[in-house]
């Protein structure tokens, strides 16, 4: 169980992360208003306390937003005298960069979602295949072409060779319908598919194909 100091440290870390996202969003919003000429060059913006009231955040968050815009030469922070808008063009440049960054981040997020979906589908596919194998094994006596599983051992001579080199179909009479490797299922592997230690072959064939596979791979 987490201790109170650990929870406190984690909470502060999360607050810091959220705070950073907030001040960047505020800086982006102010830059958009400048780029759209809602706020003209030379305009002196209201003080931190008024701006914090408008955005509903602390003065420190506003200060960080203005500091970011000052680094980008969009505004100039006049200590104890407010903030003056310097450049509409610099604001537009910042908007473009920010939008590209957001687009890249969105694409990265979507890629992660696709990989998660693929992993889920692979698990579901493997589970379904296992159920199919189990069902077929129950009735293998009445099924002329039951399904079999074979795991390639560490000392197998098949490691590093492809199915074509091994003449797998000719030697065993079996057809490999899928190979499971590191949790990922490769359906209908071709003759150039190279085998590796731990590969699980899912194959269909005559009753003696498993014995013949063992002989081929030993």
C-alpha atoms as a PDB file:
ATOM      1  CA  UNK A   1       0.000   0.000   0.000  1.00  0.00           C
ATOM      2  CA  UNK A   2       1.270   3.508  -0.821  1.00  0.00           C
ATOM      3  CA  UNK A   3       2.394   5.632   2.096  1.00  0.00           C
ATOM      4  CA  UNK A   4       1.056   9.146   2.642  1.00  0.00           C
ATOM      5  CA  UNK A   5       4.360  10.784   1.496  1.00  0.00           C
ATOM      6  CA  UNK A   6       4.298   8.705  -1.696  1.00  0.00           C
ATOM      7  CA  UNK A   7       0.724   9.757  -2.462  1.00  0.00           C
ATOM      8  CA  UNK A   8       1.595  13.380  -1.726  1.00  0.00           C
ATOM      9  CA  UNK A   9       4.641  13.285  -4.010  1.00  0.00           C
ATOM     10  CA  UNK A  10       2.637  11.673  -6.820  1.00  0.00           C
ATOM     11  CA  UNK A  11      -0.163  14.230  -6.403  1.00  0.00           C
ATOM     12  CA  UNK A  12       2.305  17.121  -6.611  1.00  0.00           C
ATOM     13  CA  UNK A  13       3.845  15.579  -9.720  1.00  0.00           C
ATOM     14  CA  UNK A  14       0.416  15.285 -11.366  1.00  0.00           C
ATOM     15  CA  UNK A  15      -0.468  18.851 -10.399  1.00  0.00           C
ATOM     16  CA  UNK A  16       2.780  20.083 -11.909  1.00  0.00           C
ATOM     17  CA  UNK A  17       2.069  18.161 -15.127  1.00  0.00           C
ATOM     18  CA  UNK A  18      -1.489  19.503 -15.340  1.00  0.00           C
ATOM     19  CA  UNK A  19      -0.302  23.012 -14.532  1.00  0.00           C
ATOM     20  CA  UNK A  20       2.159  22.865 -17.423  1.00  0.00           C
ATOM     21  CA  UNK A  21      -0.593  21.815 -19.815  1.00  0.00           C
ATOM     22  CA  UNK A  22      -2.841  24.633 -18.562  1.00  0.00           C
ATOM     23  CA  UNK A  23      -0.328  27.453 -18.980  1.00  0.00           C
ATOM     24  CA  UNK A  24       0.533  26.202 -22.480  1.00  0.00           C
ATOM     25  CA  UNK A  25      -3.159  26.159 -23.421  1.00  0.00           C
ATOM     26  CA  UNK A  26      -3.577  29.702 -22.089  1.00  0.00           C
ATOM     27  CA  UNK A  27      -0.498  30.877 -24.023  1.00  0.00           C
ATOM     28  CA  UNK A  28      -1.944  29.265 -27.157  1.00  0.00           C
ATOM     29  CA  UNK A  29      -5.318  30.963 -26.599  1.00  0.00           C
ATOM     30  CA  UNK A  30      -3.737  34.389 -26.115  1.00  0.00           C
ATOM     31  CA  UNK A  31      -1.576  33.870 -29.221  1.00  0.00           C
ATOM     32  CA  UNK A  32      -4.703  32.939 -31.231  1.00  0.00           C
ATOM     33  CA  UNK A  33      -6.405  36.147 -30.114  1.00  0.00           C
ATOM     34  CA  UNK A  34      -3.355  38.130 -31.197  1.00  0.00           C
ATOM     35  CA  UNK A  35      -3.065  36.263 -34.520  1.00  0.00           C
ATOM     36  CA  UNK A  36      -6.761  36.890 -35.233  1.00  0.00           C
ATOM     37  CA  UNK A  37      -6.333  40.617 -34.470  1.00  0.00           C
ATOM     38  CA  UNK A  38      -8.648  40.421 -31.497  1.00  0.00           C
ATOM     39  CA  UNK A  39      -5.695  41.910 -29.654  1.00  0.00           C
ATOM     40  CA  UNK A  40      -3.588  44.316 -31.720  1.00  0.00           C
ATOM     41  CA  UNK A  41       0.164  44.889 -31.642  1.00  0.00           C
ATOM     42  CA  UNK A  42       1.112  47.469 -29.037  1.00  0.00           C
ATOM     43  CA  UNK A  43      -1.838  46.624 -26.820  1.00  0.00           C
ATOM     44  CA  UNK A  44      -1.038  46.523 -23.147  1.00  0.00           C
ATOM     45  CA  UNK A  45      -2.700  43.495 -21.603  1.00  0.00           C
ATOM     46  CA  UNK A  46      -4.283  43.550 -18.177  1.00  0.00           C
ATOM     47  CA  UNK A  47      -2.319  42.578 -15.112  1.00  0.00           C
ATOM     48  CA  UNK A  48      -1.811  39.030 -13.900  1.00  0.00           C
ATOM     49  CA  UNK A  49      -4.563  39.224 -11.304  1.00  0.00           C
ATOM     50  CA  UNK A  50      -7.159  40.319 -13.886  1.00  0.00           C
ATOM     51  CA  UNK A  51      -6.010  37.737 -16.440  1.00  0.00           C
ATOM     52  CA  UNK A  52      -6.117  35.001 -13.813  1.00  0.00           C
ATOM     53  CA  UNK A  53      -9.708  35.974 -13.071  1.00  0.00           C
ATOM     54  CA  UNK A  54     -10.577  35.753 -16.775  1.00  0.00           C
ATOM     55  CA  UNK A  55      -9.049  32.284 -17.186  1.00  0.00           C
ATOM     56  CA  UNK A  56      -9.865  31.066 -13.708  1.00  0.00           C
ATOM     57  CA  UNK A  57      -6.276  30.103 -12.828  1.00  0.00           C
ATOM     58  CA  UNK A  58      -3.591  31.341 -10.464  1.00  0.00           C
ATOM     59  CA  UNK A  59      -1.453  34.419 -11.242  1.00  0.00           C
ATOM     60  CA  UNK A  60       1.582  32.110 -11.381  1.00  0.00           C
ATOM     61  CA  UNK A  61       0.018  30.118 -14.224  1.00  0.00           C
ATOM     62  CA  UNK A  62      -0.633  33.356 -16.127  1.00  0.00           C
ATOM     63  CA  UNK A  63       2.949  34.458 -15.473  1.00  0.00           C
ATOM     64  CA  UNK A  64       4.230  31.198 -16.995  1.00  0.00           C
ATOM     65  CA  UNK A  65       1.973  31.636 -20.042  1.00  0.00           C
ATOM     66  CA  UNK A  66       3.296  35.165 -20.627  1.00  0.00           C
ATOM     67  CA  UNK A  67       6.894  33.977 -20.088  1.00  0.00           C
ATOM     68  CA  UNK A  68       6.403  31.400 -22.837  1.00  0.00           C
ATOM     69  CA  UNK A  69       5.001  34.014 -25.202  1.00  0.00           C
ATOM     70  CA  UNK A  70       7.883  36.359 -24.348  1.00  0.00           C
ATOM     71  CA  UNK A  71      10.414  33.632 -25.245  1.00  0.00           C
ATOM     72  CA  UNK A  72       8.681  33.395 -28.626  1.00  0.00           C
ATOM     73  CA  UNK A  73       8.815  37.219 -29.009  1.00  0.00           C
ATOM     74  CA  UNK A  74       5.031  37.439 -29.167  1.00  0.00           C
ATOM     75  CA  UNK A  75       4.815  39.755 -26.145  1.00  0.00           C
ATOM     76  CA  UNK A  76       7.099  41.740 -23.874  1.00  0.00           C
ATOM     77  CA  UNK A  77       6.669  41.440 -20.136  1.00  0.00           C
ATOM     78  CA  UNK A  78       7.174  44.816 -18.453  1.00  0.00           C
ATOM     79  CA  UNK A  79       7.892  44.127 -14.808  1.00  0.00           C
ATOM     80  CA  UNK A  80       5.257  45.729 -12.596  1.00  0.00           C
ATOM     81  CA  UNK A  81       3.774  47.366 -15.703  1.00  0.00           C
ATOM     82  CA  UNK A  82       1.803  44.622 -17.431  1.00  0.00           C
ATOM     83  CA  UNK A  83       2.412  42.984 -20.798  1.00  0.00           C
ATOM     84  CA  UNK A  84       2.669  44.579 -24.231  1.00  0.00           C
ATOM     85  CA  UNK A  85       1.884  42.741 -27.482  1.00  0.00           C
ATOM     86  CA  UNK A  86       4.884  42.760 -29.840  1.00  0.00           C
ATOM     87  CA  UNK A  87       4.135  40.725 -32.968  1.00  0.00           C
ATOM     88  CA  UNK A  88       1.100  39.325 -34.742  1.00  0.00           C
ATOM     89  CA  UNK A  89       3.367  37.373 -37.125  1.00  0.00           C
ATOM     90  CA  UNK A  90       5.240  35.689 -34.280  1.00  0.00           C
ATOM     91  CA  UNK A  91       1.880  34.734 -32.791  1.00  0.00           C
ATOM     92  CA  UNK A  92       0.856  33.164 -36.114  1.00  0.00           C
ATOM     93  CA  UNK A  93       4.162  31.251 -36.287  1.00  0.00           C
ATOM     94  CA  UNK A  94       3.589  29.896 -32.798  1.00  0.00           C
ATOM     95  CA  UNK A  95       0.031  28.852 -33.708  1.00  0.00           C
ATOM     96  CA  UNK A  96       1.272  26.878 -36.748  1.00  0.00           C
ATOM     97  CA  UNK A  97       3.979  25.089 -34.748  1.00  0.00           C
ATOM     98  CA  UNK A  98       1.550  24.300 -31.961  1.00  0.00           C
ATOM     99  CA  UNK A  99      -0.997  22.883 -34.408  1.00  0.00           C
ATOM    100  CA  UNK A 100       1.635  20.653 -36.044  1.00  0.00           C
ATOM    101  CA  UNK A 101       2.728  19.450 -32.620  1.00  0.00           C
ATOM    102  CA  UNK A 102      -0.877  18.672 -31.690  1.00  0.00           C
ATOM    103  CA  UNK A 103      -1.406  16.842 -34.977  1.00  0.00           C
ATOM    104  CA  UNK A 104       1.711  14.744 -34.394  1.00  0.00           C
ATOM    105  CA  UNK A 105       0.629  13.996 -30.844  1.00  0.00           C
ATOM    106  CA  UNK A 106      -2.823  12.965 -32.069  1.00  0.00           C
ATOM    107  CA  UNK A 107      -1.312  10.639 -34.680  1.00  0.00           C
ATOM    108  CA  UNK A 108       0.961   9.102 -32.056  1.00  0.00           C
ATOM    109  CA  UNK A 109      -1.999   8.589 -29.751  1.00  0.00           C
ATOM    110  CA  UNK A 110      -3.991   6.963 -32.561  1.00  0.00           C
ATOM    111  CA  UNK A 111      -1.053   4.682 -33.354  1.00  0.00           C
ATOM    112  CA  UNK A 112      -0.956   3.573 -29.714  1.00  0.00           C
ATOM    113  CA  UNK A 113      -4.695   2.918 -29.816  1.00  0.00           C
ATOM    114  CA  UNK A 114      -4.305   0.827 -32.992  1.00  0.00           C
ATOM    115  CA  UNK A 115      -1.492  -1.204 -31.409  1.00  0.00           C
ATOM    116  CA  UNK A 116      -3.650  -1.785 -28.336  1.00  0.00           C
ATOM    117  CA  UNK A 117      -6.532  -2.867 -30.556  1.00  0.00           C
ATOM    118  CA  UNK A 118      -4.212  -5.164 -32.505  1.00  0.00           C
ATOM    119  CA  UNK A 119      -2.961  -6.745 -29.287  1.00  0.00           C
ATOM    120  CA  UNK A 120      -6.541  -7.304 -28.129  1.00  0.00           C
ATOM    121  CA  UNK A 121      -7.488  -8.848 -31.478  1.00  0.00           C
ATOM    122  CA  UNK A 122      -4.415 -11.095 -31.409  1.00  0.00           C
ATOM    123  CA  UNK A 123      -5.347 -12.359 -27.959  1.00  0.00           C
ATOM    124  CA  UNK A 124      -8.932 -12.957 -29.059  1.00  0.00           C
ATOM    125  CA  UNK A 125      -7.789 -14.668 -32.264  1.00  0.00           C
ATOM    126  CA  UNK A 126      -5.409 -16.939 -30.366  1.00  0.00           C
ATOM    127  CA  UNK A 127      -8.095 -17.779 -27.788  1.00  0.00           C
ATOM    128  CA  UNK A 128     -10.543 -18.649 -30.571  1.00  0.00           C
ATOM    129  CA  UNK A 129      -7.935 -20.765 -32.342  1.00  0.00           C
ATOM    130  CA  UNK A 130      -7.195 -22.615 -29.092  1.00  0.00           C
ATOM    131  CA  UNK A 131     -10.898 -23.332 -28.643  1.00  0.00           C
ATOM    132  CA  UNK A 132     -11.063 -24.586 -32.218  1.00  0.00           C
ATOM    133  CA  UNK A 133      -8.075 -26.859 -31.676  1.00  0.00           C
ATOM    134  CA  UNK A 134      -9.564 -28.196 -28.453  1.00  0.00           C
ATOM    135  CA  UNK A 135     -12.868 -28.906 -30.160  1.00  0.00           C
ATOM    136  CA  UNK A 136     -11.201 -30.629 -33.096  1.00  0.00           C
ATOM    137  CA  UNK A 137      -8.971 -32.729 -30.839  1.00  0.00           C
ATOM    138  CA  UNK A 138     -12.063 -34.088 -29.116  1.00  0.00           C
ATOM    139  CA  UNK A 139     -13.300 -35.422 -32.428  1.00  0.00           C
ATOM    140  CA  UNK A 140     -10.008 -36.227 -34.150  1.00  0.00           C
ATOM    141  CA  UNK A 141     -11.029 -39.852 -34.672  1.00  0.00           C
ATOM    142  CA  UNK A 142     -13.908 -38.802 -36.887  1.00  0.00           C
ATOM    143  CA  UNK A 143     -12.103 -35.857 -38.476  1.00  0.00           C
ATOM    144  CA  UNK A 144      -9.783 -36.808 -41.386  1.00  0.00           C
ATOM    145  CA  UNK A 145      -7.874 -33.494 -41.073  1.00  0.00           C
ATOM    146  CA  UNK A 146      -7.742 -32.433 -37.409  1.00  0.00           C
ATOM    147  CA  UNK A 147      -5.863 -29.345 -36.229  1.00  0.00           C
ATOM    148  CA  UNK A 148      -2.542 -29.636 -34.401  1.00  0.00           C
ATOM    149  CA  UNK A 149      -0.150 -27.456 -32.415  1.00  0.00           C
ATOM    150  CA  UNK A 150       3.619 -27.806 -32.449  1.00  0.00           C
ATOM    151  CA  UNK A 151       6.105 -25.682 -30.475  1.00  0.00           C
ATOM    152  CA  UNK A 152       9.604 -25.357 -31.904  1.00  0.00           C
ATOM    153  CA  UNK A 153      12.167 -26.404 -29.311  1.00  0.00           C
ATOM    154  CA  UNK A 154      15.423 -24.569 -28.613  1.00  0.00           C
ATOM    155  CA  UNK A 155      17.545 -27.343 -30.124  1.00  0.00           C
ATOM    156  CA  UNK A 156      15.379 -27.768 -33.262  1.00  0.00           C
ATOM    157  CA  UNK A 157      17.215 -27.838 -36.595  1.00  0.00           C
ATOM    158  CA  UNK A 158      14.352 -25.814 -38.101  1.00  0.00           C
ATOM    159  CA  UNK A 159      15.396 -22.591 -36.368  1.00  0.00           C
ATOM    160  CA  UNK A 160      16.475 -19.967 -38.891  1.00  0.00           C
ATOM    161  CA  UNK A 161      15.155 -21.943 -41.857  1.00  0.00           C
ATOM    162  CA  UNK A 162      12.090 -21.059 -43.887  1.00  0.00           C
ATOM    163  CA  UNK A 163       9.178 -23.342 -44.687  1.00  0.00           C
ATOM    164  CA  UNK A 164      10.237 -23.631 -48.329  1.00  0.00           C
ATOM    165  CA  UNK A 165      13.755 -24.813 -47.440  1.00  0.00           C
ATOM    166  CA  UNK A 166      12.299 -27.383 -45.068  1.00  0.00           C
ATOM    167  CA  UNK A 167       9.829 -28.623 -47.715  1.00  0.00           C
ATOM    168  CA  UNK A 168       7.357 -28.626 -44.871  1.00  0.00           C
ATOM    169  CA  UNK A 169       4.224 -29.508 -46.806  1.00  0.00           C
ATOM    170  CA  UNK A 170       5.959 -32.190 -48.882  1.00  0.00           C
ATOM    171  CA  UNK A 171       7.575 -33.807 -45.824  1.00  0.00           C
ATOM    172  CA  UNK A 172       4.623 -33.680 -43.414  1.00  0.00           C
ATOM    173  CA  UNK A 173       1.477 -33.399 -45.530  1.00  0.00           C
ATOM    174  CA  UNK A 174       0.346 -30.581 -43.216  1.00  0.00           C
ATOM    175  CA  UNK A 175      -0.545 -26.989 -43.965  1.00  0.00           C
ATOM    176  CA  UNK A 176       0.425 -24.300 -41.433  1.00  0.00           C
ATOM    177  CA  UNK A 177      -2.556 -22.005 -40.960  1.00  0.00           C
ATOM    178  CA  UNK A 178      -0.885 -19.710 -38.415  1.00  0.00           C
ATOM    179  CA  UNK A 179       2.287 -19.111 -36.411  1.00  0.00           C
ATOM    180  CA  UNK A 180       2.147 -17.558 -32.959  1.00  0.00           C
ATOM    181  CA  UNK A 181       5.345 -15.717 -32.021  1.00  0.00           C
ATOM    182  CA  UNK A 182       5.775 -13.555 -28.920  1.00  0.00           C
ATOM    183  CA  UNK A 183       2.017 -13.246 -28.533  1.00  0.00           C
ATOM    184  CA  UNK A 184       1.471 -12.149 -32.156  1.00  0.00           C
ATOM    185  CA  UNK A 185      -0.331 -14.390 -34.652  1.00  0.00           C
ATOM    186  CA  UNK A 186       0.813 -14.532 -38.273  1.00  0.00           C
ATOM    187  CA  UNK A 187      -1.974 -16.024 -40.367  1.00  0.00           C
ATOM    188  CA  UNK A 188      -1.234 -18.103 -43.488  1.00  0.00           C
ATOM    189  CA  UNK A 189       2.583 -17.775 -43.408  1.00  0.00           C
ATOM    190  CA  UNK A 190       4.262 -18.110 -46.792  1.00  0.00           C
ATOM    191  CA  UNK A 191       7.167 -20.395 -47.826  1.00  0.00           C
ATOM    192  CA  UNK A 192       9.727 -17.652 -46.999  1.00  0.00           C
ATOM    193  CA  UNK A 193       8.649 -17.449 -43.359  1.00  0.00           C
ATOM    194  CA  UNK A 194      11.680 -18.242 -41.179  1.00  0.00           C
ATOM    195  CA  UNK A 195      11.106 -20.162 -37.976  1.00  0.00           C
ATOM    196  CA  UNK A 196      12.358 -19.246 -34.512  1.00  0.00           C
ATOM    197  CA  UNK A 197      12.667 -20.875 -31.116  1.00  0.00           C
ATOM    198  CA  UNK A 198       9.345 -20.856 -29.300  1.00  0.00           C
ATOM    199  CA  UNK A 199       7.216 -20.466 -32.438  1.00  0.00           C
ATOM    200  CA  UNK A 200       3.878 -22.233 -32.060  1.00  0.00           C
ATOM    201  CA  UNK A 201       2.753 -23.765 -35.348  1.00  0.00           C
ATOM    202  CA  UNK A 202      -0.977 -24.219 -35.860  1.00  0.00           C
ATOM    203  CA  UNK A 203      -1.518 -26.690 -38.650  1.00  0.00           C
ATOM    204  CA  UNK A 204      -4.077 -28.900 -40.296  1.00  0.00           C
ATOM    205  CA  UNK A 205      -3.251 -32.261 -41.768  1.00  0.00           C
ATOM    206  CA  UNK A 206      -3.555 -36.055 -41.583  1.00  0.00           C
ATOM    207  CA  UNK A 207      -3.278 -37.966 -38.312  1.00  0.00           C
ATOM    208  CA  UNK A 208       0.448 -38.668 -38.668  1.00  0.00           C
ATOM    209  CA  UNK A 209       1.496 -35.105 -39.580  1.00  0.00           C
ATOM    210  CA  UNK A 210       2.487 -34.235 -36.009  1.00  0.00           C
ATOM    211  CA  UNK A 211       4.839 -37.236 -35.833  1.00  0.00           C
ATOM    212  CA  UNK A 212       6.289 -36.366 -39.217  1.00  0.00           C
ATOM    213  CA  UNK A 213       6.768 -32.724 -38.113  1.00  0.00           C
ATOM    214  CA  UNK A 214       8.659 -33.896 -35.033  1.00  0.00           C
ATOM    215  CA  UNK A 215      10.895 -36.060 -37.221  1.00  0.00           C
ATOM    216  CA  UNK A 216      11.523 -33.183 -39.646  1.00  0.00           C
ATOM    217  CA  UNK A 217      12.383 -30.681 -36.911  1.00  0.00           C
ATOM    218  CA  UNK A 218      14.497 -32.920 -34.662  1.00  0.00           C
END
